Every structure is written in structure tokens, then in C-alpha cells.
Amino acid sequence: MVIKKNGKEYVIEEHSEAWEVSCKTGKLTVGYRIAKEVCADERALRDYIDAEDLF
């Protein structure tokens, strides 16, 4: 799944206990791990990414 925000594309991978969120900028790839306790489903993850200034 891909989420777009502010001209960046975040690639999402779902794992049993967390979401892996990564974004490639030039040669650098930044990765985030978000626990499913914070975002239980895709909708909650999209809302979280939209609301946070980190992304």
C-alpha cells in the first residue's frame, strides 16, 4: 500500500505486530515502525500519518 502526503510517497508493509512505513528521498530511505497498538488498521494508519508532522 502507498500513502501520499506533501508530495512524498510512503510505502507501507503490514506485519503481525506493527506497520513498516518507508519513504525514499534521493539515495536515502527513511523507515518508521508503528505498533498496531497505535494504529490497528489501514484507516487508522492513514489518519495517523495525515495528523503527524513527522511525515
C-alpha atoms as a PDB file:
ATOM      1  CA  MET A   1       0.000   0.000   0.000  1.00  0.00           C
ATOM      2  CA  VAL A   2       1.196   3.554  -0.677  1.00  0.00           C
ATOM      3  CA  ILE A   3       0.151   6.701   1.191  1.00  0.00           C
ATOM      4  CA  LYS A   4       0.910  10.107  -0.339  1.00  0.00           C
ATOM      5  CA  LYS A   5       1.426  13.214   1.783  1.00  0.00           C
ATOM      6  CA  ASN A   6       3.058  16.549   0.931  1.00  0.00           C
ATOM      7  CA  GLY A   7       4.482  15.236  -2.342  1.00  0.00           C
ATOM      8  CA  LYS A   8       6.099  12.195  -0.703  1.00  0.00           C
ATOM      9  CA  GLU A   9       5.133   8.560  -1.114  1.00  0.00           C
ATOM     10  CA  TYR A  10       5.192   6.307   1.930  1.00  0.00           C
ATOM     11  CA  VAL A  11       5.340   2.579   1.224  1.00  0.00           C
ATOM     12  CA  ILE A  12       3.509   0.537   3.865  1.00  0.00           C
ATOM     13  CA  GLU A  13       4.118  -3.081   4.827  1.00  0.00           C
ATOM     14  CA  GLU A  14       1.865  -4.802   7.337  1.00  0.00           C
ATOM     15  CA  HIS A  15       3.333  -7.193   9.904  1.00  0.00           C
ATOM     16  CA  SER A  16       1.599  -9.024  12.730  1.00  0.00           C
ATOM     17  CA  GLU A  17       2.618  -6.530  15.447  1.00  0.00           C
ATOM     18  CA  ALA A  18       3.470  -3.336  13.560  1.00  0.00           C
ATOM     19  CA  TRP A  19       3.353  -1.345  10.350  1.00  0.00           C
ATOM     20  CA  GLU A  20       6.607  -0.651   8.458  1.00  0.00           C
ATOM     21  CA  VAL A  21       6.476   2.765   6.803  1.00  0.00           C
ATOM     22  CA  SER A  22       9.296   3.827   4.482  1.00  0.00           C
ATOM     23  CA  CYS A  23       9.974   6.815   2.293  1.00  0.00           C
ATOM     24  CA  LYS A  24      12.784   7.187  -0.234  1.00  0.00           C
ATOM     25  CA  THR A  25      14.256  10.626  -0.843  1.00  0.00           C
ATOM     26  CA  GLY A  26      17.109  10.589  -3.326  1.00  0.00           C
ATOM     27  CA  LYS A  27      19.543   7.937  -2.128  1.00  0.00           C
ATOM     28  CA  LEU A  28      18.246   7.991   1.444  1.00  0.00           C
ATOM     29  CA  THR A  29      15.447   5.726   2.680  1.00  0.00           C
ATOM     30  CA  VAL A  30      13.816   6.603   5.995  1.00  0.00           C
ATOM     31  CA  GLY A  31      11.883   3.920   7.837  1.00  0.00           C
ATOM     32  CA  TYR A  32       9.370   4.045  10.671  1.00  0.00           C
ATOM     33  CA  ARG A  33       7.851   1.222  12.703  1.00  0.00           C
ATOM     34  CA  ILE A  34       4.377   1.966  14.084  1.00  0.00           C
ATOM     35  CA  ALA A  35       2.912  -0.514  16.558  1.00  0.00           C
ATOM     36  CA  LYS A  36      -0.539  -1.897  15.850  1.00  0.00           C
ATOM     37  CA  GLU A  37      -1.457  -0.765  19.373  1.00  0.00           C
ATOM     38  CA  VAL A  38      -1.247   2.788  17.970  1.00  0.00           C
ATOM     39  CA  CYS A  39      -2.890   2.050  14.588  1.00  0.00           C
ATOM     40  CA  ALA A  40      -4.943  -1.136  14.474  1.00  0.00           C
ATOM     41  CA  ASP A  41      -5.984  -0.933  10.803  1.00  0.00           C
ATOM     42  CA  GLU A  42      -5.212   0.806   7.498  1.00  0.00           C
ATOM     43  CA  ARG A  43      -7.712   3.620   8.096  1.00  0.00           C
ATOM     44  CA  ALA A  44      -6.188   4.417  11.497  1.00  0.00           C
ATOM     45  CA  LEU A  45      -2.702   4.365   9.958  1.00  0.00           C
ATOM     46  CA  ARG A  46      -3.738   6.782   7.190  1.00  0.00           C
ATOM     47  CA  ASP A  47      -5.282   9.127   9.771  1.00  0.00           C
ATOM     48  CA  TYR A  48      -2.139   8.896  11.927  1.00  0.00           C
ATOM     49  CA  ILE A  49       0.172   9.772   9.043  1.00  0.00           C
ATOM     50  CA  ASP A  50      -2.089  12.657   7.971  1.00  0.00           C
ATOM     51  CA  ALA A  51      -2.165  14.075  11.500  1.00  0.00           C
ATOM     52  CA  GLU A  52       1.528  13.753  12.442  1.00  0.00           C
ATOM     53  CA  ASP A  53       4.085  16.412  11.495  1.00  0.00           C
ATOM     54  CA  LEU A  54       6.752  13.683  11.452  1.00  0.00           C
ATOM     55  CA  PHE A  55       5.566  12.623   7.991  1.00  0.00           C
END
